[in-house]
Amino acid sequence: MSAVKLQRSGQTARCRSGQRYSGRMQAHTQSPLNTHPVLAEATRGGIVESFHRGALAIVDADGSVHTAMGDIERPIFPRSAVKVLQALPLVESGAADRLGLTDEELAIACASHGGEERHARTAAAMLAKAGVDVNALECGAHWPYNDAAVKAMAAAGTQPTALNNNCSGKHSGFVCLGCMLADGRDVAGFLRGYVKPEHPVMREVTAALQDSTGFDLSTAARGTDGCSIPTYAIPLRHLAHAFARVATGVGLREGHARAARRLREAVARAPYMVAGTGRFDTRVMERLGERVFCKVGAEGVYCAALPELGLGVALKMDDGNTARACEVVMAGIIEALLPLNESDASFMRAFSEVSMKNWNGIEVGTLREAASLRDLRFSAGASGLTSR
């Protein structure tokens, strides 16, 4: 399978499998996942040893589908990939200004961080500005994802708290928003249960998610995320559209557009906060700055905003593989779409074509983007981007 022909919103586009997509499509009949294209593959001995199927959508802010691979109308749970959308009310409400949140604090509100000491300290600083402490967080506690942080805590004989939870920054942002919404009421009492769908905080967050994606969440499947907040099943096309809106501000109401720009700028200035030491999102945004906003989600989901191209990207690996497959695919998309100098292209290629070595340091194979992605190239045109 390959990319669909470019179409304007409201028209249909046909991929090589013959499936049609419409910008106005609402109902959806789920297609078998085994019809999805191969997006990443592992080679050994000169042949493909294993592969990962998935689907991806690339959409502009007007809703035009520029690339569709696989079923982009099937609702999927975006999980943590949409944290920037969930952080829009924190800025739009005035809570971020009122509390004087820094770039690092705004960036961690969009993060799935490694639980390193600096991450935990930043989340704690947000809570202190709101006049509460770690006990206000309802995300739960787990050991840091970062190995060095785990070893340091173990050596010190300390136990993890909710501050080490990879979602503690997002939840600290929810708490800061809640303090604003409390409007003079007892803050601790008002915040209690903020993770529940009916709580005023979560209603604001859900409304921002619906407004930015343009998808009716009242009829969407709803699950519970790992950090206890609701997660809604949304098609890749709508997720990509939302990230194109984040990239440009087009299609967002004024307050959300300003919030999206501020959050993107904060993340570009403090990319360490979004992930952490050695992590893909941090490394890519440290290198490319505001040219890319990318965010991983659990179970093989990735979303990205590409401001200079006015595009949003959303992808889902069928097998839920994130570190092995999803990063390779996102790296390949960024490398294909953005005009990069030789140095930056080489940097991205280290993620899209990964040398696999055994314990003796012998190269045994390659993990790489599939040919369908390697062939994906775009050039700017008067009416948008065209495939070639």
Protein backbone atom coordinates (compact mmCIF):
# COMPACT_ATOMS: atom_id res chain seq x y z
CA MET A 1 0.00 0.00 0.00
CA SER A 2 1.14 3.54 -0.56
CA ALA A 3 0.07 7.08 0.02
CA VAL A 4 -3.32 8.24 -1.18
CA LYS A 5 -3.75 10.92 -3.80
CA LEU A 6 -4.03 14.38 -2.29
CA GLN A 7 -7.56 15.71 -1.86
CA ARG A 8 -9.33 18.66 -0.37
CA SER A 9 -11.56 18.27 2.68
CA GLY A 10 -14.98 16.93 1.77
CA GLN A 11 -13.66 15.08 -1.27
CA THR A 12 -12.65 11.46 -1.31
CA ALA A 13 -9.24 9.94 -1.70
CA ARG A 14 -8.43 6.42 -2.83
CA CYS A 15 -5.44 4.40 -1.69
CA ARG A 16 -4.06 1.64 -3.85
CA SER A 17 -6.13 -0.95 -1.98
CA GLY A 18 -9.24 0.84 -3.27
CA GLN A 19 -10.53 1.99 0.12
CA ARG A 20 -12.04 5.49 0.04
CA TYR A 21 -11.80 8.28 2.59
CA SER A 22 -13.97 11.36 2.89
CA GLY A 23 -13.40 14.54 4.82
CA ARG A 24 -17.07 14.41 5.86
CA MET A 25 -17.12 10.74 6.79
CA GLN A 26 -18.73 10.01 10.15
CA ALA A 27 -19.73 6.35 10.28
CA HIS A 28 -16.99 3.79 9.87
CA THR A 29 -16.81 0.11 9.10
CA GLN A 30 -13.61 -1.29 10.57
CA SER A 31 -11.30 -2.99 8.11
CA PRO A 32 -9.11 -5.97 9.06
CA LEU A 33 -5.80 -4.92 10.59
CA ASN A 34 -3.93 -7.46 8.47
CA THR A 35 -4.68 -5.26 5.48
CA HIS A 36 -2.63 -2.43 6.97
CA PRO A 37 0.69 -1.71 5.27
CA VAL A 38 4.04 -2.70 6.73
CA LEU A 39 5.55 0.47 8.20
CA ALA A 40 8.70 -0.91 9.87
CA GLU A 41 10.79 -4.03 9.34
CA ALA A 42 13.71 -5.83 10.93
CA THR A 43 16.30 -7.44 8.68
CA ARG A 44 18.85 -10.17 9.33
CA GLY A 45 21.10 -11.96 6.88
CA GLY A 46 19.93 -9.77 4.05
CA ILE A 47 16.22 -10.60 4.34
CA VAL A 48 13.27 -9.24 6.31
CA GLU A 49 12.99 -11.25 9.52
CA SER A 50 9.95 -9.54 11.02
CA PHE A 51 7.76 -6.52 10.41
CA HIS A 52 5.26 -4.18 12.01
CA ARG A 53 2.01 -3.09 10.36
CA GLY A 54 0.18 0.10 11.09
CA ALA A 55 -1.71 3.10 9.80
CA LEU A 56 -0.85 6.77 9.51
CA ALA A 57 -2.47 10.02 8.49
CA ILE A 58 -0.91 13.30 7.41
CA VAL A 59 -3.42 16.15 7.26
CA ASP A 60 -3.28 19.93 6.89
CA ALA A 61 -5.11 22.52 8.98
CA ASP A 62 -7.96 22.78 6.47
CA GLY A 63 -8.60 19.06 6.88
CA SER A 64 -7.13 17.98 3.55
CA VAL A 65 -5.69 14.47 3.71
CA HIS A 66 -2.22 14.55 2.20
CA THR A 67 -1.26 10.99 3.05
CA ALA A 68 -3.31 8.04 4.25
CA MET A 69 -1.75 4.65 4.79
CA GLY A 70 -4.03 2.01 6.23
CA ASP A 71 -7.36 2.73 7.87
CA ILE A 72 -7.30 6.32 9.15
CA GLU A 73 -10.98 6.31 10.10
CA ARG A 74 -10.71 3.52 12.68
CA PRO A 75 -10.96 5.06 16.18
CA ILE A 76 -7.87 4.43 18.30
CA PHE A 77 -6.96 5.46 21.82
CA PRO A 78 -4.26 8.16 21.41
CA ARG A 79 -3.21 7.84 25.04
CA SER A 80 -0.40 10.26 25.98
CA ALA A 81 0.18 11.46 22.41
CA VAL A 82 -2.47 14.17 22.92
CA LYS A 83 -1.10 15.75 26.10
CA VAL A 84 -0.52 19.07 24.35
CA LEU A 85 -4.24 19.16 23.47
CA GLN A 86 -5.12 18.35 27.06
CA ALA A 87 -2.88 21.20 28.24
CA LEU A 88 -4.67 23.86 26.16
CA PRO A 89 -7.07 24.86 28.99
CA LEU A 90 -4.16 25.37 31.38
CA VAL A 91 -2.95 28.24 29.21
CA GLU A 92 -6.24 29.51 27.78
CA SER A 93 -7.86 29.78 31.23
CA GLY A 94 -5.15 32.16 32.45
CA ALA A 95 -3.96 29.69 35.08
CA ALA A 96 -0.48 29.47 33.56
CA ASP A 97 -0.06 33.26 33.65
CA ARG A 98 -1.65 33.64 37.05
CA LEU A 99 0.75 31.10 38.57
CA GLY A 100 3.75 32.29 36.56
CA LEU A 101 4.48 28.91 35.01
CA THR A 102 7.85 28.71 33.28
CA ASP A 103 8.72 27.16 29.93
CA GLU A 104 9.96 24.06 31.74
CA GLU A 105 6.71 23.79 33.67
CA LEU A 106 4.57 24.23 30.57
CA ALA A 107 6.70 21.69 28.72
CA ILE A 108 6.32 19.08 31.44
CA ALA A 109 2.56 19.60 31.33
CA CYS A 110 2.81 18.06 27.82
CA ALA A 111 5.21 15.32 28.87
CA SER A 112 5.62 11.60 29.31
CA HIS A 113 8.87 12.06 31.17
CA GLY A 114 11.40 9.59 32.54
CA GLY A 115 10.82 10.45 36.18
CA GLU A 116 14.30 11.86 36.58
CA GLU A 117 15.06 14.09 39.55
CA ARG A 118 14.70 17.27 37.50
CA HIS A 119 11.32 16.13 36.22
CA ALA A 120 10.04 15.39 39.71
CA ARG A 121 11.39 18.70 40.99
CA THR A 122 9.68 20.65 38.21
CA ALA A 123 6.31 18.99 38.81
CA ALA A 124 6.65 19.70 42.52
CA ALA A 125 7.37 23.37 41.78
CA MET A 126 4.13 23.61 39.79
CA LEU A 127 2.16 22.16 42.69
CA ALA A 128 3.83 24.57 45.13
CA LYS A 129 2.79 27.52 42.96
CA ALA A 130 -0.76 26.22 43.17
CA GLY A 131 -0.51 25.99 46.96
CA VAL A 132 -0.71 22.18 47.15
CA ASP A 133 1.72 19.26 47.31
CA VAL A 134 2.20 15.79 45.86
CA ASN A 135 -0.84 14.51 47.74
CA ALA A 136 -3.05 16.43 45.29
CA LEU A 137 -1.93 14.22 42.38
CA GLU A 138 -4.22 11.35 41.39
CA CYS A 139 -1.99 9.74 38.76
CA GLY A 140 -0.49 7.10 41.06
CA ALA A 141 3.17 6.37 41.78
CA HIS A 142 5.63 4.23 39.85
CA TRP A 143 9.38 3.89 39.58
CA PRO A 144 11.05 6.22 37.05
CA TYR A 145 11.38 4.95 33.49
CA ASN A 146 14.95 6.23 33.46
CA ASP A 147 17.35 3.51 34.66
CA ALA A 148 19.84 5.92 36.22
CA ALA A 149 17.06 7.57 38.21
CA VAL A 150 15.86 4.18 39.48
CA LYS A 151 19.36 3.20 40.56
CA ALA A 152 19.91 6.54 42.29
CA MET A 153 16.66 6.20 44.23
CA ALA A 154 17.40 2.59 45.15
CA ALA A 155 20.89 3.53 46.34
CA ALA A 156 19.40 6.30 48.48
CA GLY A 157 16.75 3.96 49.87
CA THR A 158 13.89 6.18 48.65
CA GLN A 159 10.56 5.06 47.25
CA PRO A 160 8.87 6.58 44.19
CA THR A 161 6.03 9.03 44.59
CA ALA A 162 3.45 10.36 42.16
CA LEU A 163 6.06 12.96 41.15
CA ASN A 164 8.03 10.15 39.47
CA ASN A 165 4.99 9.08 37.46
CA ASN A 166 5.63 9.82 33.78
CA CYS A 167 2.36 11.78 33.75
CA SER A 168 3.03 13.89 36.84
CA GLY A 169 3.62 17.03 34.77
CA LYS A 170 0.32 16.69 32.96
CA HIS A 171 -1.47 16.07 36.24
CA SER A 172 0.28 19.03 37.86
CA GLY A 173 -1.10 21.08 34.99
CA PHE A 174 -4.58 19.71 35.73
CA VAL A 175 -4.15 20.70 39.37
CA CYS A 176 -3.07 24.22 38.38
CA LEU A 177 -6.13 24.50 36.15
CA GLY A 178 -8.28 23.21 39.02
CA CYS A 179 -6.96 25.88 41.34
CA MET A 180 -8.12 28.48 38.83
CA LEU A 181 -11.53 26.84 38.44
CA ALA A 182 -11.98 26.55 42.22
CA ASP A 183 -12.53 30.32 42.27
CA GLY A 184 -12.22 30.85 46.01
CA ARG A 185 -13.57 27.47 47.08
CA ASP A 186 -11.51 25.06 49.17
CA VAL A 187 -8.88 23.96 46.67
CA ALA A 188 -8.18 20.52 48.14
CA GLY A 189 -11.85 19.69 48.24
CA PHE A 190 -12.48 21.00 44.75
CA LEU A 191 -9.57 19.03 43.28
CA ARG A 192 -10.64 15.73 44.77
CA GLY A 193 -11.61 13.35 41.97
CA TYR A 194 -10.30 15.60 39.18
CA VAL A 195 -9.51 12.50 37.07
CA LYS A 196 -13.17 11.55 36.76
CA PRO A 197 -14.97 12.43 33.51
CA GLU A 198 -17.63 14.52 35.26
CA HIS A 199 -15.19 16.71 37.24
CA PRO A 200 -15.00 20.36 36.05
CA VAL A 201 -11.27 19.99 35.33
CA MET A 202 -11.76 16.93 33.15
CA ARG A 203 -14.75 18.49 31.42
CA GLU A 204 -12.52 21.39 30.33
CA VAL A 205 -9.81 19.00 29.17
CA THR A 206 -12.29 16.84 27.25
CA ALA A 207 -13.87 19.90 25.62
CA ALA A 208 -10.45 21.03 24.40
CA LEU A 209 -9.76 17.58 22.99
CA GLN A 210 -13.08 17.56 21.17
CA ASP A 211 -12.72 21.10 19.84
CA SER A 212 -9.21 20.52 18.50
CA THR A 213 -9.90 17.13 16.90
CA GLY A 214 -13.39 18.00 15.65
CA PHE A 215 -14.56 14.56 16.76
CA ASP A 216 -17.71 14.04 18.82
CA LEU A 217 -16.43 12.47 22.03
CA SER A 218 -19.93 12.02 23.44
CA THR A 219 -20.35 9.05 21.10
CA ALA A 220 -16.74 7.83 21.23
CA ALA A 221 -15.56 4.72 23.04
CA ARG A 222 -14.11 5.76 26.40
CA GLY A 223 -11.49 3.92 28.40
CA THR A 224 -9.32 4.69 31.41
CA ASP A 225 -5.73 5.67 30.76
CA GLY A 226 -2.76 4.43 32.77
CA CYS A 227 -2.76 7.65 34.79
CA SER A 228 -6.50 7.26 35.57
CA ILE A 229 -7.98 10.00 33.35
CA PRO A 230 -10.47 9.17 30.57
CA THR A 231 -9.07 8.31 27.16
CA TYR A 232 -11.28 8.54 24.07
CA ALA A 233 -11.05 6.57 20.83
CA ILE A 234 -10.44 9.02 17.96
CA PRO A 235 -9.62 8.30 14.29
CA LEU A 236 -6.11 9.02 13.07
CA ARG A 237 -7.45 11.51 10.53
CA HIS A 238 -8.93 13.64 13.30
CA LEU A 239 -5.79 13.37 15.43
CA ALA A 240 -3.59 14.46 12.54
CA HIS A 241 -5.98 17.33 11.83
CA ALA A 242 -5.72 18.44 15.47
CA PHE A 243 -1.92 18.50 15.28
CA ALA A 244 -2.04 20.49 12.04
CA ARG A 245 -4.17 22.98 13.95
CA VAL A 246 -1.60 22.99 16.76
CA ALA A 247 1.08 23.63 14.15
CA THR A 248 -0.71 26.60 12.59
CA GLY A 249 -3.48 27.82 14.89
CA VAL A 250 -5.86 27.56 11.92
CA GLY A 251 -9.23 26.10 12.92
CA LEU A 252 -8.68 26.65 16.64
CA ARG A 253 -10.55 29.30 18.56
CA GLU A 254 -8.37 32.27 19.46
CA GLY A 255 -7.61 31.19 23.02
CA HIS A 256 -6.66 27.68 21.99
CA ALA A 257 -4.53 28.97 19.11
CA ARG A 258 -2.56 31.20 21.47
CA ALA A 259 -2.23 28.35 23.95
CA ALA A 260 -1.00 25.93 21.30
CA ARG A 261 1.67 28.35 20.14
CA ARG A 262 2.84 29.04 23.68
CA LEU A 263 3.04 25.34 24.49
CA ARG A 264 4.98 24.58 21.30
CA GLU A 265 7.41 27.38 22.07
CA ALA A 266 7.84 26.19 25.66
CA VAL A 267 8.58 22.64 24.53
CA ALA A 268 11.09 23.88 21.95
CA ARG A 269 12.90 25.81 24.70
CA ALA A 270 12.76 22.95 27.21
CA PRO A 271 12.60 19.67 25.25
CA TYR A 272 14.26 17.71 28.05
CA MET A 273 11.07 18.06 30.05
CA VAL A 274 8.89 16.30 27.49
CA ALA A 275 10.74 12.98 27.72
CA GLY A 276 14.24 13.01 29.19
CA THR A 277 17.77 11.71 28.83
CA GLY A 278 18.30 9.82 25.58
CA ARG A 279 14.61 9.75 24.67
CA PHE A 280 13.42 10.20 21.07
CA ASP A 281 11.11 13.19 21.59
CA THR A 282 13.73 15.09 23.56
CA ARG A 283 16.57 14.35 21.18
CA VAL A 284 14.60 15.22 18.04
CA MET A 285 13.24 18.49 19.42
CA GLU A 286 16.62 19.45 20.86
CA ARG A 287 18.00 19.07 17.36
CA LEU A 288 15.19 20.53 15.25
CA GLY A 289 13.65 23.00 17.69
CA GLU A 290 10.29 24.50 16.71
CA ARG A 291 10.36 22.75 13.35
CA VAL A 292 8.92 19.64 15.03
CA PHE A 293 6.61 18.98 17.94
CA CYS A 294 6.35 15.22 18.42
CA LYS A 295 4.76 13.22 21.20
CA VAL A 296 4.63 9.52 21.90
CA GLY A 297 1.60 7.69 23.26
CA ALA A 298 1.31 4.21 24.72
CA GLU A 299 0.48 1.18 22.56
CA GLY A 300 2.33 2.36 19.47
CA VAL A 301 0.83 5.81 18.94
CA TYR A 302 2.71 8.91 17.78
CA CYS A 303 1.53 12.39 16.83
CA ALA A 304 3.46 15.34 15.48
CA ALA A 305 3.00 18.95 14.39
CA LEU A 306 5.17 20.36 11.61
CA PRO A 307 4.59 24.14 11.73
CA GLU A 308 6.59 25.22 8.67
CA LEU A 309 4.64 22.76 6.52
CA GLY A 310 1.30 23.32 8.24
CA LEU A 311 0.89 19.56 8.69
CA GLY A 312 -0.16 17.21 11.43
CA VAL A 313 0.83 13.55 11.67
CA ALA A 314 -0.80 10.68 13.56
CA LEU A 315 0.20 7.03 13.43
CA LYS A 316 -0.66 3.80 15.20
CA MET A 317 1.27 0.53 15.10
CA ASP A 318 -1.09 -2.43 15.08
CA ASP A 319 0.97 -4.43 17.57
CA GLY A 320 1.28 -1.55 20.01
CA ASN A 321 5.07 -1.46 19.67
CA THR A 322 6.41 1.96 20.57
CA ALA A 323 10.16 1.98 21.15
CA ARG A 324 11.06 -0.60 18.51
CA ALA A 325 8.74 0.33 15.64
CA CYS A 326 6.86 3.56 16.24
CA GLU A 327 9.94 5.74 16.68
CA VAL A 328 11.46 4.35 13.47
CA VAL A 329 8.31 5.25 11.55
CA MET A 330 8.01 8.75 13.01
CA ALA A 331 11.68 9.40 12.28
CA GLY A 332 11.16 8.31 8.70
CA ILE A 333 8.17 10.62 8.30
CA ILE A 334 10.06 13.61 9.69
CA GLU A 335 13.03 12.85 7.46
CA ALA A 336 10.76 12.54 4.43
CA LEU A 337 8.66 15.63 5.00
CA LEU A 338 11.03 18.26 6.35
CA PRO A 339 13.74 19.77 4.17
CA LEU A 340 16.86 18.91 6.16
CA ASN A 341 20.52 19.72 5.68
CA GLU A 342 22.92 16.82 5.41
CA SER A 343 23.78 16.88 9.09
CA ASP A 344 20.16 16.90 10.28
CA ALA A 345 19.18 14.24 7.75
CA SER A 346 21.98 12.01 9.00
CA PHE A 347 20.81 12.61 12.57
CA MET A 348 17.26 11.52 11.72
CA ARG A 349 18.46 8.54 9.69
CA ALA A 350 20.08 7.16 12.83
CA PHE A 351 16.49 6.75 14.13
CA SER A 352 14.83 5.60 10.89
CA GLU A 353 17.51 3.01 10.10
CA VAL A 354 18.87 1.51 13.31
CA SER A 355 21.79 -0.88 13.34
CA MET A 356 21.07 -3.89 15.55
CA LYS A 357 24.06 -5.46 17.33
CA ASN A 358 24.47 -8.51 19.50
CA TRP A 359 26.14 -8.63 22.91
CA ASN A 360 29.56 -8.91 21.26
CA GLY A 361 28.97 -5.69 19.35
CA ILE A 362 28.59 -7.50 16.02
CA GLU A 363 26.06 -5.96 13.66
CA VAL A 364 23.37 -8.56 13.02
CA GLY A 365 20.68 -6.62 11.22
CA THR A 366 18.77 -3.40 10.77
CA LEU A 367 15.53 -1.99 12.09
CA ARG A 368 14.25 0.39 9.44
CA GLU A 369 11.25 2.14 7.97
CA ALA A 370 9.50 0.15 5.27
CA ALA A 371 9.89 0.91 1.57
CA SER A 372 6.47 2.59 1.49
CA LEU A 373 7.82 5.25 3.82
CA ARG A 374 11.22 5.50 2.17
CA ASP A 375 9.38 6.42 -1.02
CA LEU A 376 7.38 9.14 0.73
CA ARG A 377 8.67 12.51 -0.42
CA PHE A 378 6.92 15.85 -0.68
CA SER A 379 7.62 19.14 -2.38
CA ALA A 380 5.99 22.47 -1.65
CA GLY A 381 3.52 23.70 -4.22
CA ALA A 382 1.28 26.73 -4.64
CA SER A 383 -1.76 24.84 -3.35
CA GLY A 384 -0.05 22.71 -0.72
CA LEU A 385 2.17 19.65 -0.86
CA THR A 386 2.21 17.07 -3.60
CA SER A 387 3.49 13.51 -3.46
CA ARG A 388 6.07 12.16 -5.81
